C-alpha atoms as a PDB file:
ATOM      1  CA  MET A   1     -13.711 -22.787 -14.780  1.00  0.00           C
ATOM      2  CA  GLY A   2     -14.744 -21.082 -17.770  1.00  0.00           C
ATOM      3  CA  ASP A   3     -12.886 -18.388 -19.472  1.00  0.00           C
ATOM      4  CA  SER A   4     -15.677 -16.146 -19.781  1.00  0.00           C
ATOM      5  CA  LYS A   5     -15.953 -15.868 -15.729  1.00  0.00           C
ATOM      6  CA  PHE A   6     -11.729 -13.797 -16.222  1.00  0.00           C
ATOM      7  CA  ILE A   7     -12.903 -12.527 -19.196  1.00  0.00           C
ATOM      8  CA  THR A   8     -16.052 -10.663 -17.482  1.00  0.00           C
ATOM      9  CA  LEU A   9     -13.577  -9.957 -14.566  1.00  0.00           C
ATOM     10  CA  LYS A  10     -10.558  -8.498 -17.178  1.00  0.00           C
ATOM     11  CA  ASN A  11     -13.504  -6.151 -18.549  1.00  0.00           C
ATOM     12  CA  GLN A  12     -14.254  -4.884 -14.888  1.00  0.00           C
ATOM     13  CA  VAL A  13     -10.619  -3.961 -14.684  1.00  0.00           C
ATOM     14  CA  GLN A  14     -10.367  -2.500 -17.921  1.00  0.00           C
ATOM     15  CA  GLY A  15     -13.170  -0.342 -16.848  1.00  0.00           C
ATOM     16  CA  ILE A  16     -11.548   0.596 -13.446  1.00  0.00           C
ATOM     17  CA  ILE A  17      -8.437   1.269 -15.611  1.00  0.00           C
ATOM     18  CA  ASN A  18     -10.461   3.325 -17.915  1.00  0.00           C
ATOM     19  CA  LEU A  19     -12.205   5.553 -15.432  1.00  0.00           C
ATOM     20  CA  MET A  20      -8.823   6.211 -13.618  1.00  0.00           C
ATOM     21  CA  ALA A  21      -7.557   7.619 -16.727  1.00  0.00           C
ATOM     22  CA  LYS A  22     -10.478   9.897 -16.941  1.00  0.00           C
ATOM     23  CA  LYS A  23      -9.746  10.962 -13.407  1.00  0.00           C
ATOM     24  CA  GLU A  24     -13.371   9.788 -12.420  1.00  0.00           C
ATOM     25  CA  PHE A  25     -11.952   8.218  -9.292  1.00  0.00           C
ATOM     26  CA  ILE A  26     -15.139   7.772  -7.330  1.00  0.00           C
ATOM     27  CA  ASP A  27     -16.864   5.866  -9.995  1.00  0.00           C
ATOM     28  CA  ALA A  28     -13.305   3.536 -10.446  1.00  0.00           C
ATOM     29  CA  ASN A  29     -13.790   2.881  -6.775  1.00  0.00           C
ATOM     30  CA  TYR A  30     -17.662   1.755  -7.020  1.00  0.00           C
ATOM     31  CA  LYS A  31     -16.348  -0.214 -10.123  1.00  0.00           C
ATOM     32  CA  LEU A  32     -13.581  -1.535  -8.087  1.00  0.00           C
ATOM     33  CA  LEU A  33     -15.894  -2.588  -5.210  1.00  0.00           C
ATOM     34  CA  ASP A  34     -18.268  -4.747  -8.298  1.00  0.00           C
ATOM     35  CA  ALA A  35     -15.021  -6.526  -9.706  1.00  0.00           C
ATOM     36  CA  GLU A  36     -14.167  -7.438  -5.678  1.00  0.00           C
ATOM     37  CA  GLU A  37     -17.497  -8.835  -5.426  1.00  0.00           C
ATOM     38  CA  SER A  38     -16.805 -10.821  -9.103  1.00  0.00           C
ATOM     39  CA  LEU A  39     -13.452 -12.007  -7.441  1.00  0.00           C
ATOM     40  CA  GLU A  40     -15.010 -13.183  -4.306  1.00  0.00           C
ATOM     41  CA  GLU A  41     -17.488 -15.805  -6.276  1.00  0.00           C
ATOM     42  CA  LEU A  42     -14.713 -17.011  -8.306  1.00  0.00           C
ATOM     43  CA  LEU A  43     -12.884 -17.384  -5.475  1.00  0.00           C
ATOM     44  CA  ASP A  44     -15.603 -19.447  -3.527  1.00  0.00           C
ATOM     45  CA  PHE A  45     -16.180 -21.996  -6.566  1.00  0.00           C
ATOM     46  CA  SER A  46     -12.884 -22.464  -7.911  1.00  0.00           C
ATOM     47  CA  LYS A  47     -10.674 -26.007  -7.253  1.00  0.00           C
ATOM     48  CA  GLU A  48      -8.340 -25.762  -9.853  1.00  0.00           C
ATOM     49  CA  ASP A  49      -4.769 -24.388  -9.211  1.00  0.00           C
ATOM     50  CA  GLU A  50      -4.612 -22.664 -12.388  1.00  0.00           C
ATOM     51  CA  ASP A  51      -8.051 -20.750 -11.289  1.00  0.00           C
ATOM     52  CA  LEU A  52      -6.722 -20.056  -8.133  1.00  0.00           C
ATOM     53  CA  ILE A  53      -3.027 -18.490  -9.705  1.00  0.00           C
ATOM     54  CA  GLU A  54      -5.101 -16.444 -12.312  1.00  0.00           C
ATOM     55  CA  ILE A  55      -7.504 -15.228  -9.098  1.00  0.00           C
ATOM     56  CA  SER A  56      -4.567 -14.452  -7.175  1.00  0.00           C
ATOM     57  CA  LYS A  57      -2.780 -12.227  -9.934  1.00  0.00           C
ATOM     58  CA  TYR A  58      -6.513 -10.400  -9.648  1.00  0.00           C
ATOM     59  CA  GLN A  59      -6.380  -9.794  -6.512  1.00  0.00           C
ATOM     60  CA  VAL A  60      -3.042  -8.205  -6.827  1.00  0.00           C
ATOM     61  CA  LEU A  61      -4.132  -5.982  -9.467  1.00  0.00           C
ATOM     62  CA  LEU A  62      -7.090  -5.111  -7.933  1.00  0.00           C
ATOM     63  CA  ASN A  63      -5.228  -4.224  -4.541  1.00  0.00           C
ATOM     64  CA  GLN A  64      -3.212  -1.913  -6.259  1.00  0.00           C
ATOM     65  CA  LEU A  65      -5.335  -0.266  -8.180  1.00  0.00           C
ATOM     66  CA  GLN A  66      -7.637   0.385  -4.485  1.00  0.00           C
ATOM     67  CA  GLN A  67      -4.618   2.185  -3.308  1.00  0.00           C
ATOM     68  CA  LYS A  68      -3.891   4.543  -6.457  1.00  0.00           C
ATOM     69  CA  ILE A  69      -8.334   5.342  -5.726  1.00  0.00           C
ATOM     70  CA  GLN A  70      -7.583   5.921  -2.480  1.00  0.00           C
ATOM     71  CA  ILE A  71      -4.294   8.179  -2.292  1.00  0.00           C
ATOM     72  CA  THR A  72      -6.218   9.952  -5.144  1.00  0.00           C
ATOM     73  CA  LEU A  73      -8.853  10.695  -3.173  1.00  0.00           C
ATOM     74  CA  LYS A  74      -7.509  11.556  -0.090  1.00  0.00           C
END
């Protein structure tokens, strides 16, 4: 798996964090959905253990960000 896929995902996550810092939680939620879709694509095509480990780290991070966004939007 090319590192460029993870760089794209990393940039998406950073964008979500930046939006959350500016208290733009609705936009962050939309970006989160895009990042989750990218992550699902990576998961569908990954077979290497290192890639699966990296994907699982992003899954945990996106889940935590989603929880923070949902709490804030309530």
